[in-house]
N, C-alpha and C. Protein backbone atom coordinates (compact mmCIF):
# COMPACT_ATOMS: atom_id res chain seq x y z
N MET A 1 -93.78 347.55 2.13
CA MET A 1 -93.33 346.15 3.02
C MET A 1 -92.27 345.58 3.27
N ILE A 2 -92.13 345.11 4.43
CA ILE A 2 -90.77 344.40 4.93
C ILE A 2 -91.01 343.04 4.62
N SER A 3 -90.28 342.39 3.89
CA SER A 3 -90.46 341.13 3.84
C SER A 3 -89.18 340.21 4.49
N GLN A 4 -88.13 340.91 5.10
CA GLN A 4 -86.55 340.25 4.87
C GLN A 4 -85.68 341.36 6.01
N ILE A 5 -84.91 340.90 7.18
CA ILE A 5 -84.46 341.20 7.89
C ILE A 5 -83.40 341.00 8.04
N SER A 6 -82.19 341.25 8.17
CA SER A 6 -81.22 340.74 8.52
C SER A 6 -80.43 341.73 9.82
N GLY A 7 -79.80 341.49 10.95
CA GLY A 7 -78.98 341.67 11.82
C GLY A 7 -78.27 341.08 12.92
N ARG A 8 -77.91 341.36 13.95
CA ARG A 8 -77.53 340.99 14.89
C ARG A 8 -79.03 340.46 15.74
N ILE A 9 -78.60 339.19 16.32
CA ILE A 9 -79.41 339.10 18.12
C ILE A 9 -79.47 339.99 19.24
N ASN A 10 -80.49 341.37 19.24
CA ASN A 10 -80.38 341.71 20.54
C ASN A 10 -80.84 341.32 21.66
N HIS A 11 -81.91 340.58 21.52
CA HIS A 11 -83.03 340.27 22.63
C HIS A 11 -83.51 338.93 22.08
N LEU A 12 -83.97 338.23 23.11
CA LEU A 12 -84.35 336.60 22.34
C LEU A 12 -85.51 336.29 24.07
N THR A 13 -86.77 335.81 23.39
CA THR A 13 -87.61 335.27 24.04
C THR A 13 -88.03 334.09 23.30
N GLU A 14 -88.91 333.23 23.61
CA GLU A 14 -89.74 332.41 22.96
C GLU A 14 -90.82 332.83 22.13
N GLU A 15 -91.11 334.01 22.52
CA GLU A 15 -92.13 334.59 21.14
C GLU A 15 -91.62 335.40 20.18
N ALA A 16 -90.69 336.48 21.29
CA ALA A 16 -90.07 337.10 20.14
C ALA A 16 -88.52 336.90 19.69
N VAL A 17 -88.17 337.95 18.79
CA VAL A 17 -86.87 338.52 19.18
C VAL A 17 -86.54 339.97 18.20
N THR A 18 -85.28 340.58 18.86
CA THR A 18 -84.70 341.76 18.44
C THR A 18 -83.82 341.20 17.46
N LEU A 19 -83.89 342.48 16.68
CA LEU A 19 -83.04 342.30 15.69
C LEU A 19 -81.98 343.69 15.50
N GLU A 20 -81.00 343.90 15.23
CA GLU A 20 -80.01 344.89 15.08
C GLU A 20 -79.53 345.22 14.02
N ASN A 21 -80.05 346.79 13.26
CA ASN A 21 -79.12 346.84 12.02
C ASN A 21 -78.72 347.94 12.17
N ASP A 22 -77.70 348.14 11.99
CA ASP A 22 -76.94 349.80 11.61
C ASP A 22 -77.75 351.38 12.94
N GLY A 23 -78.10 350.63 13.94
CA GLY A 23 -78.53 351.20 14.58
C GLY A 23 -80.17 351.13 15.08
N ILE A 24 -80.58 350.66 14.24
CA ILE A 24 -81.64 350.44 14.51
C ILE A 24 -82.61 349.08 14.96
N PHE A 25 -83.18 349.02 15.46
CA PHE A 25 -83.77 347.66 16.16
C PHE A 25 -85.41 347.14 16.12
N TYR A 26 -85.33 345.80 15.82
CA TYR A 26 -86.67 345.38 14.91
C TYR A 26 -87.55 344.45 15.70
N GLU A 27 -88.51 344.57 16.31
CA GLU A 27 -88.74 343.44 17.24
C GLU A 27 -89.78 342.67 16.30
N LEU A 28 -89.60 341.22 16.11
CA LEU A 28 -90.01 340.29 15.58
C LEU A 28 -90.88 339.08 16.03
N MET A 29 -92.32 338.71 16.32
CA MET A 29 -93.16 338.17 16.50
C MET A 29 -92.15 336.76 15.77
N ILE A 30 -91.62 335.20 16.92
CA ILE A 30 -91.64 333.87 16.05
C ILE A 30 -92.25 332.86 16.99
N PRO A 31 -91.67 331.75 15.75
CA PRO A 31 -92.64 330.82 16.47
C PRO A 31 -91.98 330.23 17.71
N SER A 32 -92.38 329.67 18.23
CA SER A 32 -91.73 329.25 19.88
C SER A 32 -90.57 328.20 19.33
N GLY A 33 -90.67 327.46 18.31
CA GLY A 33 -90.14 326.18 18.24
C GLY A 33 -88.71 326.66 17.41
N LEU A 34 -88.40 328.20 17.27
CA LEU A 34 -87.02 328.54 16.98
C LEU A 34 -85.81 329.18 18.23
N TYR A 35 -86.88 328.81 19.09
CA TYR A 35 -85.85 329.85 20.24
C TYR A 35 -84.73 328.71 20.14
N ASN A 36 -84.63 327.83 20.32
CA ASN A 36 -83.04 327.66 20.55
C ASN A 36 -82.22 327.46 19.89
N SER A 37 -82.70 327.09 18.46
CA SER A 37 -82.34 327.81 17.30
C SER A 37 -81.36 329.17 17.20
N LEU A 38 -82.47 330.06 16.96
CA LEU A 38 -81.59 331.64 17.60
C LEU A 38 -80.94 331.90 19.05
N LYS A 39 -80.87 330.53 19.73
CA LYS A 39 -80.06 331.14 20.93
C LYS A 39 -78.85 331.08 20.85
N SER A 40 -78.75 329.67 19.93
CA SER A 40 -77.29 329.35 19.82
C SER A 40 -76.16 329.80 18.65
N LEU A 41 -77.48 330.77 17.68
CA LEU A 41 -76.81 331.71 16.75
C LEU A 41 -76.44 333.19 17.61
N GLN A 42 -77.38 333.65 18.15
CA GLN A 42 -77.86 334.71 19.64
C GLN A 42 -75.67 334.71 20.04
N ALA A 43 -75.30 333.65 20.46
CA ALA A 43 -74.11 332.97 21.26
C ALA A 43 -73.24 333.49 20.45
N GLU A 44 -73.08 333.27 19.05
CA GLU A 44 -72.20 332.96 18.01
C GLU A 44 -71.85 335.35 17.39
N ASN A 45 -72.87 335.52 17.41
CA ASN A 45 -72.98 336.70 17.95
C ASN A 45 -73.11 337.12 16.42
N ASN A 46 -73.19 336.55 15.09
CA ASN A 46 -73.14 336.44 13.57
C ASN A 46 -74.52 336.69 13.00
N PRO A 47 -74.31 337.92 12.43
CA PRO A 47 -75.60 338.23 11.70
C PRO A 47 -76.61 337.48 11.30
N ILE A 48 -78.12 337.64 11.27
CA ILE A 48 -79.16 336.45 10.88
C ILE A 48 -79.92 337.05 10.27
N THR A 49 -80.26 336.51 9.14
CA THR A 49 -81.28 337.01 8.55
C THR A 49 -83.30 335.88 8.51
N LEU A 50 -84.03 336.90 8.45
CA LEU A 50 -84.93 336.42 9.10
C LEU A 50 -86.24 336.62 7.70
N HIS A 51 -86.92 335.83 7.26
CA HIS A 51 -88.27 336.43 6.37
C HIS A 51 -89.33 336.72 7.10
N THR A 52 -89.83 337.86 6.57
CA THR A 52 -90.90 338.30 7.65
C THR A 52 -92.39 338.66 7.07
N ILE A 53 -93.11 338.54 7.61
CA ILE A 53 -94.26 339.29 7.45
C ILE A 53 -94.73 340.44 8.32
N TYR A 54 -95.41 341.20 7.47
CA TYR A 54 -96.19 342.49 8.19
C TYR A 54 -97.04 343.02 7.95
N TYR A 55 -97.39 343.33 9.38
CA TYR A 55 -99.12 343.30 9.58
C TYR A 55 -99.41 344.31 10.05
N ILE A 56 -100.59 344.73 10.32
CA ILE A 56 -101.10 345.67 11.28
C ILE A 56 -102.18 345.06 12.02
N GLU A 57 -101.81 345.48 13.59
CA GLU A 57 -102.63 344.76 14.73
C GLU A 57 -103.34 346.59 15.18
N ALA A 58 -105.07 345.74 15.37
CA ALA A 58 -105.84 346.51 15.77
C ALA A 58 -105.57 346.66 17.90
N GLY A 59 -105.81 347.69 17.60
CA GLY A 59 -105.50 347.99 19.45
C GLY A 59 -106.96 347.43 19.96
N ASP A 60 -106.88 348.21 21.34
CA ASP A 60 -107.75 347.67 21.94
C ASP A 60 -109.15 348.51 21.69
N MET A 61 -108.51 350.34 21.12
CA MET A 61 -109.49 351.26 20.72
C MET A 61 -109.12 351.67 19.44
N LYS A 62 -110.33 351.41 18.66
CA LYS A 62 -110.92 351.44 16.96
C LYS A 62 -109.46 352.32 16.48
N SER A 63 -109.53 353.42 16.86
CA SER A 63 -108.02 354.33 16.15
C SER A 63 -106.67 354.32 16.61
N TYR A 64 -106.53 352.94 17.69
CA TYR A 64 -105.14 352.67 17.85
C TYR A 64 -104.64 351.47 16.84
N HIS A 65 -103.83 351.49 16.19
CA HIS A 65 -103.25 350.43 15.43
C HIS A 65 -101.74 350.24 15.32
N TYR A 66 -101.37 348.91 15.59
CA TYR A 66 -100.07 348.81 15.41
C TYR A 66 -98.93 347.75 14.61
N PRO A 67 -98.11 348.24 14.37
CA PRO A 67 -97.34 347.69 13.04
C PRO A 67 -96.27 346.37 13.80
N ARG A 68 -97.07 345.15 12.97
CA ARG A 68 -96.34 344.17 13.31
C ARG A 68 -95.58 343.04 12.55
N LEU A 69 -94.55 342.92 13.09
CA LEU A 69 -93.58 341.75 12.11
C LEU A 69 -93.41 340.36 12.90
N VAL A 70 -93.65 339.57 12.30
CA VAL A 70 -93.58 338.41 12.32
C VAL A 70 -92.03 337.89 11.57
N GLY A 71 -91.04 336.36 12.40
CA GLY A 71 -90.32 336.04 11.41
C GLY A 71 -89.82 334.71 11.30
N PHE A 72 -89.39 334.32 10.12
CA PHE A 72 -89.19 332.82 9.65
C PHE A 72 -88.15 332.40 9.41
N THR A 73 -87.13 331.44 9.63
CA THR A 73 -85.79 331.16 9.63
C THR A 73 -85.84 330.91 8.10
N ASN A 74 -86.78 330.72 7.13
CA ASN A 74 -87.55 329.66 6.25
C ASN A 74 -88.10 329.98 5.61
N LEU A 75 -88.19 330.14 3.85
CA LEU A 75 -88.91 331.11 3.11
C LEU A 75 -89.99 330.36 3.04
N VAL A 76 -90.08 329.39 2.90
CA VAL A 76 -91.21 327.88 2.88
C VAL A 76 -92.08 327.83 4.34
N ASP A 77 -91.45 327.97 5.18
CA ASP A 77 -92.45 328.36 6.46
C ASP A 77 -93.02 329.59 6.23
N LYS A 78 -92.66 330.65 5.71
CA LYS A 78 -93.22 331.93 6.04
C LYS A 78 -94.02 331.87 5.30
N GLU A 79 -94.37 331.30 3.73
CA GLU A 79 -95.01 330.66 2.64
C GLU A 79 -96.53 330.25 3.18
N PHE A 80 -96.16 329.47 4.04
CA PHE A 80 -97.43 328.04 4.83
C PHE A 80 -97.72 328.85 5.39
N PHE A 81 -97.33 329.75 6.02
CA PHE A 81 -97.86 330.57 7.63
C PHE A 81 -98.67 332.15 6.63
N GLN A 82 -98.11 331.96 5.90
CA GLN A 82 -98.79 333.19 5.02
C GLN A 82 -100.48 332.28 4.32
N ALA A 83 -100.41 331.35 3.84
CA ALA A 83 -101.63 330.69 3.27
C ALA A 83 -102.28 330.50 4.50
N PHE A 84 -101.97 329.90 5.89
CA PHE A 84 -102.40 329.56 6.84
C PHE A 84 -103.60 330.44 7.08
N THR A 85 -102.80 331.65 7.72
CA THR A 85 -103.51 332.14 8.51
C THR A 85 -104.37 333.42 7.06
N THR A 86 -104.57 332.90 6.33
CA THR A 86 -105.90 333.46 5.25
C THR A 86 -107.01 333.14 5.46
N VAL A 87 -106.94 331.73 6.27
CA VAL A 87 -108.75 331.57 7.24
C VAL A 87 -109.06 332.68 7.96
N SER A 88 -110.38 333.41 7.55
CA SER A 88 -110.56 333.96 8.62
C SER A 88 -111.06 333.27 9.49
N GLY A 89 -110.84 334.00 10.72
CA GLY A 89 -110.73 333.44 11.91
C GLY A 89 -109.35 332.55 13.02
N LEU A 90 -108.85 332.61 11.98
CA LEU A 90 -107.12 332.33 12.63
C LEU A 90 -106.30 333.21 12.27
N GLY A 91 -106.20 333.77 13.82
CA GLY A 91 -105.03 335.33 13.51
C GLY A 91 -103.83 335.15 13.84
N ILE A 92 -102.89 336.36 13.40
CA ILE A 92 -101.66 335.14 13.37
C ILE A 92 -100.86 334.91 15.00
N LYS A 93 -101.33 335.47 15.89
CA LYS A 93 -100.91 335.25 17.50
C LYS A 93 -101.70 333.49 17.58
N LYS A 94 -102.83 333.30 17.04
CA LYS A 94 -103.52 332.00 17.19
C LYS A 94 -102.54 331.04 16.59
N ALA A 95 -102.32 331.03 15.41
CA ALA A 95 -101.78 330.42 14.16
C ALA A 95 -100.47 330.19 15.17
N LEU A 96 -99.67 331.31 15.54
CA LEU A 96 -98.39 331.09 15.43
C LEU A 96 -98.03 329.92 16.77
N LYS A 97 -99.30 329.91 18.14
CA LYS A 97 -99.52 329.15 18.99
C LYS A 97 -99.63 327.86 18.13
N SER A 98 -99.89 327.66 17.49
CA SER A 98 -101.14 326.49 17.02
C SER A 98 -100.39 325.38 16.05
N LEU A 99 -98.93 325.81 15.49
CA LEU A 99 -98.18 325.21 14.79
C LEU A 99 -97.24 323.98 15.65
N THR A 100 -97.75 323.52 16.69
CA THR A 100 -97.27 322.65 17.56
C THR A 100 -97.09 320.94 16.61
N LEU A 101 -97.03 320.67 15.30
CA LEU A 101 -96.80 319.74 14.22
C LEU A 101 -96.24 320.25 12.83
N PRO A 102 -95.11 319.26 12.49
CA PRO A 102 -94.72 319.69 11.13
C PRO A 102 -95.58 320.28 10.42
N ILE A 103 -95.10 321.51 9.36
CA ILE A 103 -95.74 322.19 8.65
C ILE A 103 -96.23 320.89 7.60
N ARG A 104 -95.43 319.47 7.14
CA ARG A 104 -95.65 318.87 6.59
C ARG A 104 -97.06 318.18 6.55
N ASP A 105 -97.24 318.10 7.85
CA ASP A 105 -98.06 317.18 8.67
C ASP A 105 -99.09 318.08 8.51
N ILE A 106 -99.39 319.53 9.05
CA ILE A 106 -99.94 319.93 9.02
C ILE A 106 -101.23 320.29 7.66
N ALA A 107 -99.99 320.44 6.79
CA ALA A 107 -100.67 320.41 5.00
C ALA A 107 -101.02 319.25 4.59
N THR A 108 -100.56 318.44 5.10
CA THR A 108 -101.24 316.75 4.57
C THR A 108 -102.54 315.98 5.28
N ALA A 109 -102.41 316.77 6.26
CA ALA A 109 -104.21 316.60 6.91
C ALA A 109 -105.19 317.92 5.91
N ILE A 110 -104.11 319.15 6.10
CA ILE A 110 -105.58 319.62 4.76
C ILE A 110 -106.27 319.07 3.68
N GLU A 111 -105.04 318.65 3.55
CA GLU A 111 -105.47 317.94 2.05
C GLU A 111 -105.79 317.04 1.64
N THR A 112 -105.53 315.66 2.80
CA THR A 112 -106.15 314.57 3.12
C THR A 112 -107.76 314.96 4.11
N LYS A 113 -107.91 315.73 4.50
CA LYS A 113 -109.29 316.59 5.04
C LYS A 113 -109.43 315.75 6.42
N ASP A 114 -107.94 315.32 6.99
CA ASP A 114 -108.22 315.10 8.22
C ASP A 114 -108.11 315.85 9.33
N ALA A 115 -109.46 316.14 9.90
CA ALA A 115 -110.20 317.29 10.81
C ALA A 115 -109.53 316.68 12.45
N ALA A 116 -109.46 315.35 12.57
CA ALA A 116 -109.26 315.09 13.32
C ALA A 116 -107.74 315.00 14.05
N THR A 117 -106.53 315.21 12.90
CA THR A 117 -105.40 315.53 13.50
C THR A 117 -105.12 317.15 13.49
N LEU A 118 -105.70 318.08 12.07
CA LEU A 118 -105.44 319.37 13.18
C LEU A 118 -106.58 320.46 14.53
N ILE A 119 -107.67 319.23 14.81
CA ILE A 119 -108.35 319.30 16.40
C ILE A 119 -107.10 319.50 16.99
N ARG A 120 -105.73 318.45 16.88
CA ARG A 120 -104.63 318.69 18.08
C ARG A 120 -104.21 319.38 18.09
N LEU A 121 -104.33 320.64 17.10
CA LEU A 121 -103.73 321.98 17.06
C LEU A 121 -104.00 322.98 17.75
N PRO A 122 -103.41 323.43 19.05
CA PRO A 122 -103.48 324.07 20.27
C PRO A 122 -104.64 325.82 19.18
N GLY A 123 -105.73 325.47 20.06
CA GLY A 123 -106.68 326.63 19.37
C GLY A 123 -108.14 326.31 18.47
N LEU A 124 -107.49 325.69 17.76
CA LEU A 124 -108.32 325.46 16.87
C LEU A 124 -109.63 324.49 16.89
N GLY A 125 -109.93 323.66 17.36
CA GLY A 125 -111.43 323.36 17.83
C GLY A 125 -111.53 322.91 16.46
N ARG A 126 -112.51 321.92 16.21
CA ARG A 126 -113.80 321.23 14.95
C ARG A 126 -113.97 322.27 14.14
N ARG A 127 -114.98 323.43 14.77
CA ARG A 127 -115.50 324.17 13.93
C ARG A 127 -114.46 324.89 12.79
N LEU A 128 -113.33 325.54 13.62
CA LEU A 128 -112.25 326.06 12.78
C LEU A 128 -111.58 324.84 12.33
N ALA A 129 -110.98 323.72 12.49
CA ALA A 129 -110.36 323.20 11.78
C ALA A 129 -110.79 322.68 10.53
N GLU A 130 -112.29 322.55 10.43
CA GLU A 130 -113.33 322.29 9.43
C GLU A 130 -113.10 323.41 8.35
N LYS A 131 -112.89 324.61 8.99
CA LYS A 131 -112.87 325.85 7.96
C LYS A 131 -111.59 325.77 7.40
N VAL A 132 -110.70 326.03 8.16
CA VAL A 132 -108.94 325.17 7.47
C VAL A 132 -109.31 324.98 6.24
N ILE A 133 -109.86 323.22 6.59
CA ILE A 133 -109.90 322.81 5.40
C ILE A 133 -110.66 322.58 4.08
N ALA A 134 -111.98 323.19 4.26
CA ALA A 134 -112.72 324.38 3.79
C ALA A 134 -112.19 325.00 2.50
N GLU A 135 -111.45 326.01 2.82
CA GLU A 135 -110.61 326.73 2.42
C GLU A 135 -109.77 326.44 2.12
N LEU A 136 -108.76 325.72 2.58
CA LEU A 136 -107.29 325.36 2.06
C LEU A 136 -107.27 324.06 1.67
N ALA A 137 -107.98 323.54 1.21
CA ALA A 137 -107.44 321.97 1.02
C ALA A 137 -107.32 321.97 -0.60
N GLY A 138 -107.14 321.64 -1.14
CA GLY A 138 -106.51 321.47 -2.97
C GLY A 138 -105.18 322.70 -2.91
N LYS A 139 -104.95 323.67 -2.07
CA LYS A 139 -103.73 324.59 -2.18
C LYS A 139 -102.38 323.92 -1.33
N MET A 140 -102.32 323.05 -0.38
CA MET A 140 -101.41 322.66 0.29
C MET A 140 -100.53 321.86 -0.15
N ALA A 141 -100.58 321.22 -1.02
CA ALA A 141 -99.94 320.23 -1.31
C ALA A 141 -97.74 320.15 -1.50
N ARG A 142 -97.64 321.34 -2.07
CA ARG A 142 -96.48 321.04 -1.93
C ARG A 142 -96.01 321.70 -0.87
N PHE A 143 -96.79 321.98 0.34
CA PHE A 143 -96.54 322.10 1.96
C PHE A 143 -96.08 320.59 2.48
N ALA A 144 -96.96 319.78 1.81
CA ALA A 144 -97.22 318.51 2.47
C ALA A 144 -95.90 318.18 1.94
N LEU A 145 -94.72 318.19 0.99
CA LEU A 145 -93.62 317.53 0.50
C LEU A 145 -92.85 318.11 1.06
N ALA A 146 -92.79 318.93 2.03
CA ALA A 146 -91.80 319.54 2.42
C ALA A 146 -90.62 319.09 3.73
N LYS A 147 -89.30 319.14 3.34
CA LYS A 147 -89.16 317.53 4.42
C LYS A 147 -88.90 317.96 5.99
N GLY A 148 -89.09 319.61 6.01
CA GLY A 148 -88.34 319.51 7.87
C GLY A 148 -89.47 318.85 8.95
N GLU A 149 -88.85 318.10 9.95
CA GLU A 149 -89.45 317.02 10.31
C GLU A 149 -89.76 317.81 12.05
N GLU A 150 -89.10 319.11 11.96
CA GLU A 150 -89.61 319.62 13.50
C GLU A 150 -90.80 320.66 13.23
N PRO A 151 -91.48 320.80 14.38
CA PRO A 151 -93.05 321.90 14.13
C PRO A 151 -92.36 322.92 15.04
N LEU A 152 -93.08 324.16 14.14
CA LEU A 152 -92.58 325.40 14.41
C LEU A 152 -92.42 325.85 15.69
N SER A 153 -93.55 325.42 16.40
CA SER A 153 -93.99 326.09 17.70
C SER A 153 -93.85 324.68 18.79
N THR A 154 -93.54 325.12 20.19
CA THR A 154 -94.10 323.64 21.14
C THR A 154 -94.67 324.61 22.17
N PRO A 155 -95.69 323.10 22.31
CA PRO A 155 -96.58 323.45 22.75
C PRO A 155 -96.36 324.11 24.41
N GLN A 156 -97.35 325.31 24.77
CA GLN A 156 -97.12 326.28 25.97
C GLN A 156 -97.74 325.66 27.01
N LYS A 157 -97.63 325.67 28.03
CA LYS A 157 -98.21 325.47 29.63
C LYS A 157 -98.90 326.57 30.00
N GLU A 158 -100.06 325.84 30.55
CA GLU A 158 -101.09 326.82 30.86
C GLU A 158 -100.29 328.07 32.01
N LYS A 159 -100.17 329.25 32.18
CA LYS A 159 -99.36 329.94 32.40
C LYS A 159 -100.77 330.53 33.96
N GLU A 160 -99.96 330.76 35.16
CA GLU A 160 -100.91 331.16 36.48
C GLU A 160 -102.07 332.34 36.05
N ASN A 161 -102.44 332.63 36.62
CA ASN A 161 -103.40 333.28 36.39
C ASN A 161 -102.76 335.26 36.63
N PHE A 162 -101.77 334.69 37.61
CA PHE A 162 -101.39 335.25 38.53
C PHE A 162 -99.92 335.89 38.02
N VAL A 163 -99.56 334.68 36.75
CA VAL A 163 -98.76 335.32 35.79
C VAL A 163 -99.00 336.45 34.87
N LEU A 164 -100.30 335.82 34.60
CA LEU A 164 -100.94 336.35 32.94
C LEU A 164 -101.16 338.20 33.78
N GLU A 165 -102.01 338.18 35.20
CA GLU A 165 -102.02 339.82 35.60
C GLU A 165 -100.74 340.33 35.70
N ALA A 166 -100.20 339.91 35.86
CA ALA A 166 -98.12 340.58 36.41
C ALA A 166 -97.92 341.03 34.55
N LEU A 167 -98.03 339.98 34.04
CA LEU A 167 -98.04 340.89 32.37
C LEU A 167 -98.83 341.97 32.04
N GLU A 168 -99.77 341.91 32.61
CA GLU A 168 -100.41 342.90 32.02
C GLU A 168 -100.23 344.28 33.15
N VAL A 169 -100.01 343.91 34.18
CA VAL A 169 -99.28 345.26 34.78
C VAL A 169 -98.11 345.77 34.02
N LEU A 170 -97.23 344.99 33.62
CA LEU A 170 -96.50 345.92 32.76
C LEU A 170 -96.44 346.61 31.65
N LEU A 171 -97.54 345.68 30.92
CA LEU A 171 -97.75 346.68 29.76
C LEU A 171 -99.00 347.39 29.80
N GLN A 172 -99.64 347.76 31.19
CA GLN A 172 -100.14 348.86 31.30
C GLN A 172 -98.76 350.25 31.30
N LEU A 173 -97.51 349.47 32.30
CA LEU A 173 -96.42 350.22 32.20
C LEU A 173 -95.24 351.01 31.11
N GLN A 174 -95.75 350.04 30.00
CA GLN A 174 -95.59 350.61 28.81
C GLN A 174 -94.31 349.95 28.47
N TYR A 175 -94.14 348.78 28.99
CA TYR A 175 -92.72 347.95 28.93
C TYR A 175 -93.42 347.00 27.94
N ARG A 176 -92.25 347.06 26.54
CA ARG A 176 -92.66 346.02 25.43
C ARG A 176 -93.19 344.40 26.21
N ARG A 177 -94.55 343.79 25.29
CA ARG A 177 -94.56 342.32 25.66
C ARG A 177 -93.08 341.45 25.92
N ALA A 178 -92.09 341.03 25.32
CA ALA A 178 -91.36 340.70 24.67
C ALA A 178 -90.42 340.98 26.20
N GLU A 179 -90.36 342.55 26.79
CA GLU A 179 -89.17 342.74 27.56
C GLU A 179 -89.68 342.23 29.00
N ALA A 180 -91.34 342.50 29.30
CA ALA A 180 -92.46 341.86 29.97
C ALA A 180 -92.21 340.57 30.39
N GLU A 181 -92.40 339.65 29.42
CA GLU A 181 -91.82 338.15 29.29
C GLU A 181 -90.52 337.68 30.26
N SER A 182 -89.83 338.44 29.29
CA SER A 182 -88.48 338.46 30.43
C SER A 182 -88.04 338.79 31.34
N MET A 183 -88.15 339.55 32.05
CA MET A 183 -88.68 339.94 33.22
C MET A 183 -89.72 339.49 34.46
N ILE A 184 -90.38 338.31 33.76
CA ILE A 184 -91.14 337.63 34.45
C ILE A 184 -90.58 336.58 34.63
N ASP A 185 -89.88 336.09 33.53
CA ASP A 185 -89.49 334.83 33.53
C ASP A 185 -88.21 334.58 34.20
N LYS A 186 -87.06 335.89 34.54
CA LYS A 186 -86.25 335.92 35.32
C LYS A 186 -86.29 335.84 36.91
N ALA A 187 -87.84 336.69 36.82
CA ALA A 187 -88.35 336.47 38.13
C ALA A 187 -88.92 334.90 38.63
N MET A 188 -89.67 334.47 38.11
CA MET A 188 -89.96 333.24 38.38
C MET A 188 -89.25 332.26 38.59
N LYS A 189 -87.63 332.41 38.11
CA LYS A 189 -86.73 331.40 37.85
C LYS A 189 -85.86 331.74 39.26
N THR A 190 -85.85 332.84 39.68
CA THR A 190 -85.20 333.07 40.73
C THR A 190 -86.22 333.12 41.92
N ASN A 191 -87.18 332.88 42.22
CA ASN A 191 -88.07 332.60 43.38
C ASN A 191 -89.79 331.90 42.69
N PRO A 192 -89.55 330.52 42.55
CA PRO A 192 -90.51 329.47 41.54
C PRO A 192 -91.15 329.34 43.30
N ARG A 193 -91.46 329.88 44.10
CA ARG A 193 -92.24 329.95 44.80
C ARG A 193 -93.39 330.84 44.83
N ILE A 194 -93.56 332.00 44.27
CA ILE A 194 -94.25 332.67 44.08
C ILE A 194 -95.67 332.92 43.74
N VAL A 195 -96.95 332.90 44.32
CA VAL A 195 -98.20 332.40 43.77
C VAL A 195 -99.19 333.77 44.03
N SER A 196 -98.29 334.77 43.88
CA SER A 196 -99.33 335.89 43.81
C SER A 196 -98.70 337.10 42.73
N THR A 197 -99.25 337.97 42.06
CA THR A 197 -99.42 338.62 41.24
C THR A 197 -98.21 339.64 42.44
N GLU A 198 -98.67 340.05 43.15
CA GLU A 198 -97.77 341.11 44.22
C GLU A 198 -96.52 340.52 44.54
N GLU A 199 -96.72 339.31 44.57
CA GLU A 199 -94.97 338.35 45.23
C GLU A 199 -94.17 339.13 43.63
N LEU A 200 -94.85 338.93 42.66
CA LEU A 200 -93.81 338.47 41.71
C LEU A 200 -93.61 340.22 40.70
N ILE A 201 -94.68 341.31 41.01
CA ILE A 201 -94.01 342.35 40.57
C ILE A 201 -93.41 343.06 41.56
N THR A 202 -93.14 342.03 43.13
CA THR A 202 -92.46 343.03 44.36
C THR A 202 -90.38 342.27 43.58
N ALA A 203 -91.02 341.04 43.28
CA ALA A 203 -89.43 340.02 42.46
C ALA A 203 -88.90 340.60 41.87
N ILE A 204 -89.61 340.86 40.42
CA ILE A 204 -89.62 341.76 39.62
C ILE A 204 -88.62 343.35 40.17
N PHE A 205 -89.25 343.90 40.77
CA PHE A 205 -88.61 345.16 41.27
C PHE A 205 -87.51 345.22 41.77
N ASN A 206 -87.28 344.12 42.41
CA ASN A 206 -85.72 343.91 43.88
C ASN A 206 -85.06 343.38 42.58
N LEU A 207 -85.64 342.51 41.65
CA LEU A 207 -83.84 342.10 40.23
C LEU A 207 -83.63 343.25 39.94
N GLU A 208 -84.46 344.61 39.41
CA GLU A 208 -84.16 345.53 38.66
C GLU A 208 -83.47 346.64 39.88
N ALA A 209 -84.00 346.75 40.67
CA ALA A 209 -82.98 347.18 41.36
C ALA A 209 -81.69 347.22 41.67
N SER A 210 -81.64 345.56 41.98
CA SER A 210 -80.28 345.06 42.25
C SER A 210 -79.18 345.11 40.82
N GLN A 211 -79.92 345.29 39.51
CA GLN A 211 -79.04 345.48 38.68
C GLN A 211 -78.79 346.93 38.54
N ARG A 212 -79.64 347.90 39.07
CA ARG A 212 -79.87 349.33 38.61
C ARG A 212 -78.25 349.73 39.29
N LYS A 213 -78.21 349.00 40.86
CA LYS A 213 -77.24 349.11 41.45
C LYS A 213 -75.74 348.86 41.42
N GLY A 214 -75.97 347.04 40.47
CA GLY A 214 -74.89 347.20 40.03
C GLY A 214 -74.18 348.00 38.43
N VAL A 215 -75.13 348.63 38.08
CA VAL A 215 -75.03 349.08 36.87
C VAL A 215 -73.72 350.76 37.43
N ALA A 216 -74.66 351.44 38.68
CA ALA A 216 -74.14 352.34 39.27
C ALA A 216 -73.07 352.25 39.93
N ARG A 217 -72.74 351.22 40.09
CA ARG A 217 -71.26 351.09 40.51
C ARG A 217 -69.87 351.11 39.47
């Protein structure tokens, strides 16, 4: 069981961070709200420590399973997330995107059986919100006392279909998700007028080709 990792930030996106420790690189999923603080730490190039959750993700084919890590800068946040994701139907990825309120507010809503507040969380809906209350009410009081006032995740804007299609293409080409998302972000910033998968893939290719040419020089 991997419960904690220390290292320097090698790569960072809003959804994942790669830490380097003695030549070994660990990729961890993170709540998007940690991005800005980790970006500052990356600039300082000092080692950081993340409290981690290790789990196995089932692939599209039943015979394929992938080890995954989720990282948190605060141990209480990790423990809350562990408790939160014990609810069936609330998977790791959905839970990471749903934490758009401070954990104390989410925990308070669970303890007071305030389904209306939980429904505000992305991806929950009334049925799942009621299930969260039924399974966790009475177990979240200590998290409701947490002092943190910032949500762990920031609301995500819906991505255009062509962006999702381009992401799928890159994943099929065996790029890591964090790497593929970074390539897409750079291409979209270079040309915000891109409106199709083909244009986006071409823009990514041009950026990669330009970068390789620069390295070759």
